[in-house]
PDB file of N, CA and C in Angstrom:
ATOM      1  N   MET A   1     -16.928   7.888 -23.426  1.00  0.00           N
ATOM      2  CA  MET A   1     -15.590   7.415 -22.958  1.00  0.00           C
ATOM      3  C   MET A   1     -15.780   7.078 -21.306  1.00  0.00           C
ATOM      4  N   ARG A   2     -15.302   5.610 -21.376  1.00  0.00           N
ATOM      5  CA  ARG A   2     -15.008   5.068 -20.186  1.00  0.00           C
ATOM      6  C   ARG A   2     -13.884   5.744 -19.383  1.00  0.00           C
ATOM      7  N   ARG A   3     -14.345   5.595 -17.879  1.00  0.00           N
ATOM      8  CA  ARG A   3     -13.424   6.073 -16.852  1.00  0.00           C
ATOM      9  C   ARG A   3     -12.387   5.021 -16.616  1.00  0.00           C
ATOM     10  N   ARG A   4     -11.262   5.556 -16.681  1.00  0.00           N
ATOM     11  CA  ARG A   4     -10.156   3.913 -16.106  1.00  0.00           C
ATOM     12  C   ARG A   4     -10.693   3.455 -14.828  1.00  0.00           C
ATOM     13  N   GLY A   5     -10.930   4.086 -13.800  1.00  0.00           N
ATOM     14  CA  GLY A   5     -11.176   3.550 -12.555  1.00  0.00           C
ATOM     15  C   GLY A   5     -12.026   2.016 -12.376  1.00  0.00           C
ATOM     16  N   ASN A   6     -12.995   2.367 -13.795  1.00  0.00           N
ATOM     17  CA  ASN A   6     -14.399   1.537 -14.068  1.00  0.00           C
ATOM     18  C   ASN A   6     -13.794   0.278 -14.623  1.00  0.00           C
ATOM     19  N   ASP A   7     -12.610   0.449 -15.271  1.00  0.00           N
ATOM     20  CA  ASP A   7     -12.278  -0.657 -16.208  1.00  0.00           C
ATOM     21  C   ASP A   7     -12.004  -2.057 -15.733  1.00  0.00           C
ATOM     22  N   TYR A   8     -12.710  -2.667 -16.235  1.00  0.00           N
ATOM     23  CA  TYR A   8     -12.455  -4.516 -15.435  1.00  0.00           C
ATOM     24  C   TYR A   8     -11.404  -5.112 -15.186  1.00  0.00           C
ATOM     25  N   GLY A   9     -10.463  -4.556 -16.216  1.00  0.00           N
ATOM     26  CA  GLY A   9      -9.025  -5.415 -16.183  1.00  0.00           C
ATOM     27  C   GLY A   9      -8.381  -4.610 -14.962  1.00  0.00           C
ATOM     28  N   THR A  10      -8.492  -3.054 -14.905  1.00  0.00           N
ATOM     29  CA  THR A  10      -8.074  -2.320 -13.599  1.00  0.00           C
ATOM     30  C   THR A  10      -8.422  -3.118 -12.281  1.00  0.00           C
ATOM     31  N   LEU A  11      -9.777  -3.236 -12.373  1.00  0.00           N
ATOM     32  CA  LEU A  11     -10.404  -3.929 -10.648  1.00  0.00           C
ATOM     33  C   LEU A  11      -9.533  -5.170 -10.912  1.00  0.00           C
ATOM     34  N   ARG A  12      -9.631  -5.682 -11.536  1.00  0.00           N
ATOM     35  CA  ARG A  12      -9.068  -7.157 -11.435  1.00  0.00           C
ATOM     36  C   ARG A  12      -7.780  -6.877 -10.946  1.00  0.00           C
ATOM     37  N   LEU A  13      -6.879  -6.293 -11.483  1.00  0.00           N
ATOM     38  CA  LEU A  13      -5.272  -5.837 -11.184  1.00  0.00           C
ATOM     39  C   LEU A  13      -5.547  -5.656  -9.725  1.00  0.00           C
ATOM     40  N   ARG A  14      -6.042  -4.719  -9.542  1.00  0.00           N
ATOM     41  CA  ARG A  14      -5.844  -3.965  -7.983  1.00  0.00           C
ATOM     42  C   ARG A  14      -6.385  -5.032  -7.326  1.00  0.00           C
ATOM     43  N   ALA A  15      -7.755  -5.672  -7.281  1.00  0.00           N
ATOM     44  CA  ALA A  15      -8.062  -7.213  -6.523  1.00  0.00           C
ATOM     45  C   ALA A  15      -6.984  -8.234  -5.954  1.00  0.00           C
ATOM     46  N   ARG A  16      -6.373  -8.814  -7.712  1.00  0.00           N
ATOM     47  CA  ARG A  16      -5.200  -9.326  -7.409  1.00  0.00           C
ATOM     48  C   ARG A  16      -3.995  -8.914  -6.513  1.00  0.00           C
ATOM     49  N   SER A  17      -3.786  -7.473  -6.588  1.00  0.00           N
ATOM     50  CA  SER A  17      -2.491  -6.837  -6.171  1.00  0.00           C
ATOM     51  C   SER A  17      -2.838  -6.937  -4.102  1.00  0.00           C
ATOM     52  N   LEU A  18      -4.239  -6.356  -3.805  1.00  0.00           N
ATOM     53  CA  LEU A  18      -4.707  -6.657  -2.755  1.00  0.00           C
ATOM     54  C   LEU A  18      -4.621  -8.063  -2.312  1.00  0.00           C
ATOM     55  N   VAL A  19      -4.752  -9.370  -2.659  1.00  0.00           N
ATOM     56  CA  VAL A  19      -5.019 -10.589  -2.271  1.00  0.00           C
ATOM     57  C   VAL A  19      -3.420 -10.949  -2.442  1.00  0.00           C
ATOM     58  N   ALA A  20      -2.409 -10.301  -3.074  1.00  0.00           N
ATOM     59  CA  ALA A  20      -1.362 -10.866  -2.989  1.00  0.00           C
ATOM     60  C   ALA A  20      -0.840 -10.370  -1.835  1.00  0.00           C
ATOM     61  N   ALA A  21      -0.846  -8.929  -1.477  1.00  0.00           N
ATOM     62  CA  ALA A  21      -0.286  -8.195  -0.055  1.00  0.00           C
ATOM     63  C   ALA A  21      -0.677  -8.653   1.405  1.00  0.00           C
ATOM     64  N   ASP A  22      -2.219  -9.592   1.052  1.00  0.00           N
ATOM     65  CA  ASP A  22      -2.483 -10.609   2.205  1.00  0.00           C
ATOM     66  C   ASP A  22      -1.973 -11.638   2.599  1.00  0.00           C
ATOM     67  N   ARG A  23      -1.164 -12.210   1.017  1.00  0.00           N
ATOM     68  CA  ARG A  23      -0.807 -13.099   1.423  1.00  0.00           C
ATOM     69  C   ARG A  23       0.581 -12.950   1.952  1.00  0.00           C
ATOM     70  N   ARG A  24       0.967 -12.264   1.177  1.00  0.00           N
ATOM     71  CA  ARG A  24       2.505 -11.819   1.883  1.00  0.00           C
ATOM     72  C   ARG A  24       2.280 -11.606   3.547  1.00  0.00           C
ATOM     73  N   LEU A  25       1.034 -10.524   3.905  1.00  0.00           N
ATOM     74  CA  LEU A  25       1.713 -10.428   4.987  1.00  0.00           C
ATOM     75  C   LEU A  25       1.409 -11.963   6.548  1.00  0.00           C
ATOM     76  N   MET A  26       0.632 -13.028   5.885  1.00  0.00           N
ATOM     77  CA  MET A  26       0.617 -14.150   6.500  1.00  0.00           C
ATOM     78  C   MET A  26       1.787 -14.963   5.939  1.00  0.00           C
ATOM     79  N   ASP A  27       2.052 -14.817   5.092  1.00  0.00           N
ATOM     80  CA  ASP A  27       3.791 -15.696   4.776  1.00  0.00           C
ATOM     81  C   ASP A  27       4.594 -14.790   5.821  1.00  0.00           C
ATOM     82  N   ASP A  28       4.823 -13.248   5.931  1.00  0.00           N
ATOM     83  CA  ASP A  28       5.968 -13.052   6.944  1.00  0.00           C
ATOM     84  C   ASP A  28       5.928 -13.303   8.643  1.00  0.00           C
ATOM     85  N   LEU A  29       4.057 -13.147   8.616  1.00  0.00           N
ATOM     86  CA  LEU A  29       3.813 -13.796  10.357  1.00  0.00           C
ATOM     87  C   LEU A  29       4.440 -15.097  10.227  1.00  0.00           C
ATOM     88  N   MET A  30       4.121 -16.151   9.103  1.00  0.00           N
ATOM     89  CA  MET A  30       4.445 -17.304   9.580  1.00  0.00           C
ATOM     90  C   MET A  30       5.983 -17.497   9.605  1.00  0.00           C
ATOM     91  N   ALA A  31       6.452 -16.860   9.300  1.00  0.00           N
ATOM     92  CA  ALA A  31       8.070 -16.570   8.946  1.00  0.00           C
ATOM     93  C   ALA A  31       8.464 -16.432  10.463  1.00  0.00           C
ATOM     94  N   ILE A  32       8.011 -15.562  10.771  1.00  0.00           N
ATOM     95  CA  ILE A  32       8.350 -15.471  11.946  1.00  0.00           C
ATOM     96  C   ILE A  32       8.309 -16.515  13.325  1.00  0.00           C
ATOM     97  N   ARG A  33       6.748 -16.913  13.208  1.00  0.00           N
ATOM     98  CA  ARG A  33       6.588 -17.933  14.121  1.00  0.00           C
ATOM     99  C   ARG A  33       7.336 -19.126  14.058  1.00  0.00           C
ATOM    100  N   ARG A  34       7.817 -19.582  12.870  1.00  0.00           N
ATOM    101  CA  ARG A  34       8.595 -20.633  12.335  1.00  0.00           C
ATOM    102  C   ARG A  34      10.124 -20.362  12.879  1.00  0.00           C
ATOM    103  N   GLY A  35      10.361 -19.110  12.733  1.00  0.00           N
ATOM    104  CA  GLY A  35      11.648 -18.726  13.357  1.00  0.00           C
ATOM    105  C   GLY A  35      12.083 -18.690  14.898  1.00  0.00           C
ATOM    106  N   LYS A  36      10.398 -18.665  15.321  1.00  0.00           N
ATOM    107  CA  LYS A  36      10.832 -18.524  17.086  1.00  0.00           C
ATOM    108  C   LYS A  36      10.391 -20.033  17.468  1.00  0.00           C
ATOM    109  N   GLY A  37      10.193 -20.755  16.541  1.00  0.00           N
ATOM    110  CA  GLY A  37       9.617 -22.493  16.839  1.00  0.00           C
ATOM    111  C   GLY A  37       8.454 -22.512  17.573  1.00  0.00           C
ATOM    112  N   ILE A  38       7.346 -21.464  17.128  1.00  0.00           N
ATOM    113  CA  ILE A  38       6.067 -21.813  18.167  1.00  0.00           C
ATOM    114  C   ILE A  38       5.640 -22.960  17.233  1.00  0.00           C
ATOM    115  N   ASP A  39       4.922 -23.968  18.017  1.00  0.00           N
ATOM    116  CA  ASP A  39       4.286 -25.004  17.513  1.00  0.00           C
ATOM    117  C   ASP A  39       2.506 -24.785  17.739  1.00  0.00           C
ATOM    118  N   ASP A  40       2.333 -25.408  17.076  1.00  0.00           N
ATOM    119  CA  ASP A  40       0.662 -25.642  16.978  1.00  0.00           C
ATOM    120  C   ASP A  40       0.006 -25.410  17.895  1.00  0.00           C
ATOM    121  N   ALA A  41       0.113 -26.208  18.948  1.00  0.00           N
ATOM    122  CA  ALA A  41      -0.979 -26.295  20.199  1.00  0.00           C
ATOM    123  C   ALA A  41      -0.828 -24.894  20.941  1.00  0.00           C
ATOM    124  N   THR A  42       0.625 -24.269  20.512  1.00  0.00           N
ATOM    125  CA  THR A  42       0.965 -23.560  21.571  1.00  0.00           C
ATOM    126  C   THR A  42       0.194 -22.137  21.030  1.00  0.00           C
ATOM    127  N   MET A  43       0.209 -22.170  19.350  1.00  0.00           N
ATOM    128  CA  MET A  43      -0.444 -21.311  18.797  1.00  0.00           C
ATOM    129  C   MET A  43      -1.911 -21.075  19.124  1.00  0.00           C
ATOM    130  N   CYS A  44      -2.452 -22.363  18.855  1.00  0.00           N
ATOM    131  CA  CYS A  44      -3.898 -22.370  18.933  1.00  0.00           C
ATOM    132  C   CYS A  44      -4.339 -21.867  20.418  1.00  0.00           C
ATOM    133  N   ARG A  45      -3.620 -22.320  21.233  1.00  0.00           N
ATOM    134  CA  ARG A  45      -3.754 -22.127  22.725  1.00  0.00           C
ATOM    135  C   ARG A  45      -3.394 -20.256  22.895  1.00  0.00           C
ATOM    136  N   ARG A  46      -2.752 -19.641  22.398  1.00  0.00           N
ATOM    137  CA  ARG A  46      -2.719 -18.459  22.496  1.00  0.00           C
ATOM    138  C   ARG A  46      -4.061 -17.728  21.623  1.00  0.00           C
ATOM    139  N   MET A  47      -4.271 -18.264  20.834  1.00  0.00           N
ATOM    140  CA  MET A  47      -5.041 -17.401  19.465  1.00  0.00           C
ATOM    141  C   MET A  47      -6.977 -17.540  20.315  1.00  0.00           C
ATOM    142  N   GLY A  48      -6.561 -18.678  21.106  1.00  0.00           N
ATOM    143  CA  GLY A  48      -8.002 -19.281  20.938  1.00  0.00           C
ATOM    144  C   GLY A  48      -8.546 -20.035  20.148  1.00  0.00           C
ATOM    145  N   VAL A  49      -8.375 -20.483  19.151  1.00  0.00           N
ATOM    146  CA  VAL A  49      -8.619 -21.352  18.037  1.00  0.00           C
ATOM    147  C   VAL A  49      -8.407 -22.616  18.150  1.00  0.00           C
ATOM    148  N   THR A  50      -9.098 -23.328  17.178  1.00  0.00           N
ATOM    149  CA  THR A  50      -8.905 -24.757  17.185  1.00  0.00           C
ATOM    150  C   THR A  50      -7.348 -24.711  16.095  1.00  0.00           C
ATOM    151  N   ALA A  51      -7.173 -26.091  15.795  1.00  0.00           N
ATOM    152  CA  ALA A  51      -6.313 -26.571  15.199  1.00  0.00           C
ATOM    153  C   ALA A  51      -6.225 -26.380  13.791  1.00  0.00           C
ATOM    154  N   GLU A  52      -7.798 -26.620  13.195  1.00  0.00           N
ATOM    155  CA  GLU A  52      -8.520 -26.842  11.866  1.00  0.00           C
ATOM    156  C   GLU A  52      -8.574 -25.315  11.397  1.00  0.00           C
ATOM    157  N   ARG A  53      -8.838 -24.424  11.931  1.00  0.00           N
ATOM    158  CA  ARG A  53      -9.320 -23.011  11.904  1.00  0.00           C
ATOM    159  C   ARG A  53      -7.921 -22.458  12.276  1.00  0.00           C
ATOM    160  N   LEU A  54      -6.693 -22.707  12.631  1.00  0.00           N
ATOM    161  CA  LEU A  54      -5.106 -21.869  12.619  1.00  0.00           C
ATOM    162  C   LEU A  54      -4.865 -22.545  11.233  1.00  0.00           C
ATOM    163  N   ALA A  55      -5.016 -23.911  10.490  1.00  0.00           N
ATOM    164  CA  ALA A  55      -4.161 -24.486   9.455  1.00  0.00           C
ATOM    165  C   ALA A  55      -5.371 -23.500   8.375  1.00  0.00           C
ATOM    166  N   GLY A  56      -6.520 -23.634   8.491  1.00  0.00           N
ATOM    167  CA  GLY A  56      -7.140 -22.872   7.712  1.00  0.00           C
ATOM    168  C   GLY A  56      -6.506 -21.167   7.372  1.00  0.00           C
ATOM    169  N   ILE A  57      -6.306 -20.656   8.280  1.00  0.00           N
ATOM    170  CA  ILE A  57      -6.384 -19.531   8.202  1.00  0.00           C
ATOM    171  C   ILE A  57      -4.516 -19.128   7.317  1.00  0.00           C
ATOM    172  N   GLU A  58      -3.694 -20.010   8.016  1.00  0.00           N
ATOM    173  CA  GLU A  58      -2.307 -20.309   7.308  1.00  0.00           C
ATOM    174  C   GLU A  58      -2.156 -21.051   6.370  1.00  0.00           C
ATOM    175  N   ASN A  59      -2.925 -21.623   5.978  1.00  0.00           N
ATOM    176  CA  ASN A  59      -2.648 -21.976   4.280  1.00  0.00           C
ATOM    177  C   ASN A  59      -3.896 -21.534   3.258  1.00  0.00           C
ATOM    178  N   GLY A  60      -4.173 -20.635   3.630  1.00  0.00           N
ATOM    179  CA  GLY A  60      -5.401 -19.773   3.067  1.00  0.00           C
ATOM    180  C   GLY A  60      -7.236 -20.563   2.654  1.00  0.00           C
ATOM    181  N   ASP A  61      -7.248 -21.225   3.017  1.00  0.00           N
ATOM    182  CA  ASP A  61      -8.455 -21.912   3.079  1.00  0.00           C
ATOM    183  C   ASP A  61      -9.991 -20.925   3.695  1.00  0.00           C
ATOM    184  N   LEU A  62      -9.423 -19.956   4.752  1.00  0.00           N
ATOM    185  CA  LEU A  62     -10.383 -18.688   5.149  1.00  0.00           C
ATOM    186  C   LEU A  62      -9.454 -17.869   5.310  1.00  0.00           C
ATOM    187  N   ASP A  63     -10.706 -16.924   5.261  1.00  0.00           N
ATOM    188  CA  ASP A  63     -10.552 -15.392   5.121  1.00  0.00           C
ATOM    189  C   ASP A  63     -10.314 -14.652   6.390  1.00  0.00           C
ATOM    190  N   PRO A  64      -9.226 -14.933   7.378  1.00  0.00           N
ATOM    191  CA  PRO A  64      -9.069 -14.305   8.791  1.00  0.00           C
ATOM    192  C   PRO A  64      -9.740 -12.851   8.971  1.00  0.00           C
ATOM    193  N   THR A  65     -10.380 -12.320   9.927  1.00  0.00           N
ATOM    194  CA  THR A  65     -10.618 -11.325  10.336  1.00  0.00           C
ATOM    195  C   THR A  65      -9.691 -10.907  10.714  1.00  0.00           C
ATOM    196  N   LEU A  66      -9.530  -9.166  10.860  1.00  0.00           N
ATOM    197  CA  LEU A  66      -8.222  -8.471  11.081  1.00  0.00           C
ATOM    198  C   LEU A  66      -7.956  -8.443  12.540  1.00  0.00           C
ATOM    199  N   GLY A  67      -9.036  -9.316  13.312  1.00  0.00           N
ATOM    200  CA  GLY A  67      -8.933  -9.223  15.009  1.00  0.00           C
ATOM    201  C   GLY A  67      -8.052 -10.703  14.769  1.00  0.00           C
ATOM    202  N   GLN A  68      -8.650 -11.647  14.052  1.00  0.00           N
ATOM    203  CA  GLN A  68      -7.712 -12.881  14.097  1.00  0.00           C
ATOM    204  C   GLN A  68      -6.250 -12.589  13.852  1.00  0.00           C
ATOM    205  N   ILE A  69      -5.862 -11.815  12.912  1.00  0.00           N
ATOM    206  CA  ILE A  69      -4.604 -11.603  11.788  1.00  0.00           C
ATOM    207  C   ILE A  69      -4.003 -10.567  13.193  1.00  0.00           C
ATOM    208  N   ARG A  70      -4.589  -9.976  13.725  1.00  0.00           N
ATOM    209  CA  ARG A  70      -4.081  -9.012  14.985  1.00  0.00           C
ATOM    210  C   ARG A  70      -3.931 -10.380  16.328  1.00  0.00           C
ATOM    211  N   ARG A  71      -4.832 -11.200  16.353  1.00  0.00           N
ATOM    212  CA  ARG A  71      -4.206 -12.158  17.671  1.00  0.00           C
ATOM    213  C   ARG A  71      -3.299 -12.940  17.354  1.00  0.00           C
ATOM    214  N   TYR A  72      -3.016 -13.785  16.030  1.00  0.00           N
ATOM    215  CA  TYR A  72      -1.750 -14.108  15.484  1.00  0.00           C
ATOM    216  C   TYR A  72      -0.787 -13.431  15.294  1.00  0.00           C
ATOM    217  N   ALA A  73      -0.375 -12.144  15.390  1.00  0.00           N
ATOM    218  CA  ALA A  73       0.593 -11.467  15.659  1.00  0.00           C
ATOM    219  C   ALA A  73       0.918 -11.273  16.774  1.00  0.00           C
ATOM    220  N   HIS A  74      -0.071 -11.264  17.763  1.00  0.00           N
ATOM    221  CA  HIS A  74       0.259 -11.119  19.032  1.00  0.00           C
ATOM    222  C   HIS A  74       0.600 -12.635  19.961  1.00  0.00           C
ATOM    223  N   ALA A  75       0.239 -13.746  19.327  1.00  0.00           N
ATOM    224  CA  ALA A  75       0.502 -14.335  19.786  1.00  0.00           C
ATOM    225  C   ALA A  75       1.869 -15.102  19.583  1.00  0.00           C
ATOM    226  N   ILE A  76       2.713 -14.696  18.609  1.00  0.00           N
ATOM    227  CA  ILE A  76       4.332 -14.991  17.854  1.00  0.00           C
ATOM    228  C   ILE A  76       4.903 -13.496  18.546  1.00  0.00           C
ATOM    229  N   GLY A  77       4.400 -12.392  19.172  1.00  0.00           N
ATOM    230  CA  GLY A  77       4.966 -11.505  19.462  1.00  0.00           C
ATOM    231  C   GLY A  77       5.680 -10.350  18.348  1.00  0.00           C
ATOM    232  N   ALA A  78       4.321 -10.249  17.336  1.00  0.00           N
ATOM    233  CA  ALA A  78       5.048  -9.551  16.338  1.00  0.00           C
ATOM    234  C   ALA A  78       4.133  -8.440  16.270  1.00  0.00           C
ATOM    235  N   ALA A  79       4.791  -7.129  15.707  1.00  0.00           N
ATOM    236  CA  ALA A  79       3.312  -6.019  15.271  1.00  0.00           C
ATOM    237  C   ALA A  79       3.122  -5.872  14.076  1.00  0.00           C
ATOM    238  N   ILE A  80       2.144  -5.415  13.655  1.00  0.00           N
ATOM    239  CA  ILE A  80       1.546  -5.349  12.371  1.00  0.00           C
ATOM    240  C   ILE A  80       1.495  -3.774  12.067  1.00  0.00           C
ATOM    241  N   GLU A  81       2.189  -3.083  11.209  1.00  0.00           N
ATOM    242  CA  GLU A  81       1.532  -1.783  11.121  1.00  0.00           C
ATOM    243  C   GLU A  81       0.749  -1.691   9.651  1.00  0.00           C
ATOM    244  N   HIS A  82       0.229  -0.864   9.324  1.00  0.00           N
ATOM    245  CA  HIS A  82      -1.134  -0.596   8.368  1.00  0.00           C
ATOM    246  C   HIS A  82      -0.979   0.776   7.722  1.00  0.00           C
ATOM    247  N   HIS A  83      -0.937   0.565   6.692  1.00  0.00           N
ATOM    248  CA  HIS A  83      -0.640   1.620   5.438  1.00  0.00           C
ATOM    249  C   HIS A  83      -1.514   1.604   4.521  1.00  0.00           C
ATOM    250  N   VAL A  84      -2.375   2.806   3.936  1.00  0.00           N
ATOM    251  CA  VAL A  84      -3.217   2.906   3.377  1.00  0.00           C
ATOM    252  C   VAL A  84      -2.850   3.920   2.273  1.00  0.00           C
ATOM    253  N   THR A  85      -2.875   3.702   1.240  1.00  0.00           N
ATOM    254  CA  THR A  85      -3.313   4.670  -0.202  1.00  0.00           C
ATOM    255  C   THR A  85      -4.054   4.484  -1.059  1.00  0.00           C
ATOM    256  N   ALA A  86      -4.412   6.080  -1.174  1.00  0.00           N
ATOM    257  CA  ALA A  86      -5.597   6.143  -1.813  1.00  0.00           C
ATOM    258  C   ALA A  86      -4.945   5.960  -3.426  1.00  0.00           C
ATOM    259  N   VAL A  87      -5.780   5.082  -4.301  1.00  0.00           N
ATOM    260  CA  VAL A  87      -5.548   4.957  -5.889  1.00  0.00           C
ATOM    261  C   VAL A  87      -6.502   6.254  -6.564  1.00  0.00           C
ATOM    262  N   GLU A  88      -6.122   5.902  -8.038  1.00  0.00           N
ATOM    263  CA  GLU A  88      -7.013   6.971  -8.829  1.00  0.00           C
ATOM    264  C   GLU A  88      -8.484   6.840  -8.460  1.00  0.00           C
ATOM    265  N   ALA A  89      -9.243   8.002  -8.728  1.00  0.00           N
ATOM    266  CA  ALA A  89     -10.885   8.018  -8.231  1.00  0.00           C
ATOM    267  C   ALA A  89     -11.296   7.284  -9.573  1.00  0.00           C
ATOM    268  N   GLU A  90     -12.531   6.946  -8.565  1.00  0.00           N
ATOM    269  CA  GLU A  90     -13.455   5.799  -9.222  1.00  0.00           C
ATOM    270  C   GLU A  90     -14.245   6.525 -10.118  1.00  0.00           C
TER     271      GLU A  90
END
């Protein structure tokens, strides 16, 4: 009998959910940035990144580190709260 936690379909759904949550996080941060009218040059200076890296982070071409996400939030005056939930046993 297969354990549900090892079912490929279940794992794919969980992975998709995690990716969607990451995308929502960046969408929320970018909405705050737009609302405050912070331009690219200011963001790059505050974060210490190039325009290309900033664009990659925002459009999803790059997988930003937690540190980069924190710097992004700090640059726009936002706070990020983390929440961890255990899922079924593997």
